[in-house]
């Protein structure tokens, strides 16, 4: 398992545009990718409504973990995606 912690820098938190980009990126990997915030954890492949349902706001700290055959690549790619969109 690979994981990283990220602090949300977008003033609007996780809203539709970045959530869509993150979900799309997650579907590009074979690994299962989870995000955890405020004691709630979902698999990103569940979709945009599951991610937005976490209510992640500006300044929140999230933990992203990747489990599977391409987990190292997935963690690196997801971290790049978070840096670009959030």
C-alpha atoms as a PDB file:
ATOM      1  CA  UNK A   1       0.000   0.000   0.000  1.00  0.00           C
ATOM      2  CA  UNK A   2       1.202   3.480  -0.926  1.00  0.00           C
ATOM      3  CA  UNK A   3      -0.278   6.597   0.645  1.00  0.00           C
ATOM      4  CA  UNK A   4       0.178  10.319   0.971  1.00  0.00           C
ATOM      5  CA  UNK A   5      -1.374  13.153   2.946  1.00  0.00           C
ATOM      6  CA  UNK A   6      -2.557  16.288   1.191  1.00  0.00           C
ATOM      7  CA  UNK A   7      -3.897  19.611   2.506  1.00  0.00           C
ATOM      8  CA  UNK A   8      -6.614  21.148   0.317  1.00  0.00           C
ATOM      9  CA  UNK A   9      -5.432  24.497  -1.050  1.00  0.00           C
ATOM     10  CA  UNK A  10      -8.421  25.375  -3.271  1.00  0.00           C
ATOM     11  CA  UNK A  11     -10.506  28.052  -1.513  1.00  0.00           C
ATOM     12  CA  UNK A  12     -13.704  26.271  -2.610  1.00  0.00           C
ATOM     13  CA  UNK A  13     -12.606  22.877  -1.279  1.00  0.00           C
ATOM     14  CA  UNK A  14     -13.455  19.794  -3.322  1.00  0.00           C
ATOM     15  CA  UNK A  15     -16.098  20.998  -5.779  1.00  0.00           C
ATOM     16  CA  UNK A  16     -17.350  19.582  -9.097  1.00  0.00           C
ATOM     17  CA  UNK A  17     -14.469  20.491 -11.430  1.00  0.00           C
ATOM     18  CA  UNK A  18     -11.573  19.099  -9.382  1.00  0.00           C
ATOM     19  CA  UNK A  19     -13.686  16.178  -8.158  1.00  0.00           C
ATOM     20  CA  UNK A  20     -14.374  15.159 -11.752  1.00  0.00           C
ATOM     21  CA  UNK A  21     -10.682  15.368 -12.645  1.00  0.00           C
ATOM     22  CA  UNK A  22      -9.702  13.281  -9.606  1.00  0.00           C
ATOM     23  CA  UNK A  23     -12.305  10.595 -10.357  1.00  0.00           C
ATOM     24  CA  UNK A  24     -11.189  10.457 -14.001  1.00  0.00           C
ATOM     25  CA  UNK A  25      -7.548  10.092 -12.939  1.00  0.00           C
ATOM     26  CA  UNK A  26      -8.421   7.315 -10.463  1.00  0.00           C
ATOM     27  CA  UNK A  27     -10.132   5.307 -13.214  1.00  0.00           C
ATOM     28  CA  UNK A  28      -6.832   5.307 -15.126  1.00  0.00           C
ATOM     29  CA  UNK A  29      -5.221   2.896 -12.636  1.00  0.00           C
ATOM     30  CA  UNK A  30      -5.821  -0.756 -11.833  1.00  0.00           C
ATOM     31  CA  UNK A  31      -5.271  -0.125  -8.130  1.00  0.00           C
ATOM     32  CA  UNK A  32      -8.079   0.719  -5.748  1.00  0.00           C
ATOM     33  CA  UNK A  33      -7.608   4.293  -4.585  1.00  0.00           C
ATOM     34  CA  UNK A  34      -9.151   5.483  -1.334  1.00  0.00           C
ATOM     35  CA  UNK A  35      -9.537   8.962   0.117  1.00  0.00           C
ATOM     36  CA  UNK A  36     -10.136   9.569   3.802  1.00  0.00           C
ATOM     37  CA  UNK A  37     -11.282  12.796   5.425  1.00  0.00           C
ATOM     38  CA  UNK A  38     -13.125  13.634   8.634  1.00  0.00           C
ATOM     39  CA  UNK A  39     -13.274   9.969   9.642  1.00  0.00           C
ATOM     40  CA  UNK A  40     -14.951   8.920   6.374  1.00  0.00           C
ATOM     41  CA  UNK A  41     -13.287   6.787   3.701  1.00  0.00           C
ATOM     42  CA  UNK A  42     -14.414   6.049   0.144  1.00  0.00           C
ATOM     43  CA  UNK A  43     -12.953   4.403  -2.944  1.00  0.00           C
ATOM     44  CA  UNK A  44     -12.541   7.093  -5.593  1.00  0.00           C
ATOM     45  CA  UNK A  45     -13.964   4.796  -8.258  1.00  0.00           C
ATOM     46  CA  UNK A  46     -17.344   5.096  -6.468  1.00  0.00           C
ATOM     47  CA  UNK A  47     -17.780   8.371  -8.331  1.00  0.00           C
ATOM     48  CA  UNK A  48     -18.036  12.111  -8.087  1.00  0.00           C
ATOM     49  CA  UNK A  49     -21.075  12.182  -5.778  1.00  0.00           C
ATOM     50  CA  UNK A  50     -19.347   9.952  -3.215  1.00  0.00           C
ATOM     51  CA  UNK A  51     -16.293  12.233  -3.264  1.00  0.00           C
ATOM     52  CA  UNK A  52     -18.287  15.450  -3.019  1.00  0.00           C
ATOM     53  CA  UNK A  53     -20.403  13.860  -0.290  1.00  0.00           C
ATOM     54  CA  UNK A  54     -17.366  13.893   1.990  1.00  0.00           C
ATOM     55  CA  UNK A  55     -17.713  17.695   2.184  1.00  0.00           C
ATOM     56  CA  UNK A  56     -13.972  18.346   2.040  1.00  0.00           C
ATOM     57  CA  UNK A  57     -13.277  22.034   2.638  1.00  0.00           C
ATOM     58  CA  UNK A  58     -10.333  24.385   2.223  1.00  0.00           C
ATOM     59  CA  UNK A  59      -7.516  23.553   4.637  1.00  0.00           C
ATOM     60  CA  UNK A  60      -8.741  20.006   5.282  1.00  0.00           C
ATOM     61  CA  UNK A  61      -6.169  17.255   5.429  1.00  0.00           C
ATOM     62  CA  UNK A  62      -6.937  14.123   3.415  1.00  0.00           C
ATOM     63  CA  UNK A  63      -5.159  10.783   3.227  1.00  0.00           C
ATOM     64  CA  UNK A  64      -5.048   9.089  -0.159  1.00  0.00           C
ATOM     65  CA  UNK A  65      -4.055   5.423  -0.262  1.00  0.00           C
ATOM     66  CA  UNK A  66      -3.530   3.127  -3.233  1.00  0.00           C
ATOM     67  CA  UNK A  67      -3.672  -0.666  -3.123  1.00  0.00           C
ATOM     68  CA  UNK A  68      -2.997  -2.908  -6.114  1.00  0.00           C
ATOM     69  CA  UNK A  69      -0.573  -3.905  -8.794  1.00  0.00           C
ATOM     70  CA  UNK A  70       0.260  -0.347  -9.923  1.00  0.00           C
ATOM     71  CA  UNK A  71      -0.019   1.322  -6.502  1.00  0.00           C
ATOM     72  CA  UNK A  72       3.289   3.232  -6.680  1.00  0.00           C
ATOM     73  CA  UNK A  73       2.423   4.689 -10.070  1.00  0.00           C
ATOM     74  CA  UNK A  74      -1.130   5.418  -8.917  1.00  0.00           C
ATOM     75  CA  UNK A  75       0.030   7.252  -5.774  1.00  0.00           C
ATOM     76  CA  UNK A  76       2.454   9.352  -7.776  1.00  0.00           C
ATOM     77  CA  UNK A  77      -0.163  10.176 -10.421  1.00  0.00           C
ATOM     78  CA  UNK A  78      -2.844  10.994  -7.892  1.00  0.00           C
ATOM     79  CA  UNK A  79      -0.502  13.259  -5.961  1.00  0.00           C
ATOM     80  CA  UNK A  80       0.245  15.123  -9.201  1.00  0.00           C
ATOM     81  CA  UNK A  81      -3.504  15.407  -9.869  1.00  0.00           C
ATOM     82  CA  UNK A  82      -4.192  16.778  -6.371  1.00  0.00           C
ATOM     83  CA  UNK A  83      -1.391  19.330  -6.766  1.00  0.00           C
ATOM     84  CA  UNK A  84      -2.794  20.455 -10.116  1.00  0.00           C
ATOM     85  CA  UNK A  85      -6.489  20.682  -9.203  1.00  0.00           C
ATOM     86  CA  UNK A  86      -6.650  21.238  -5.437  1.00  0.00           C
END
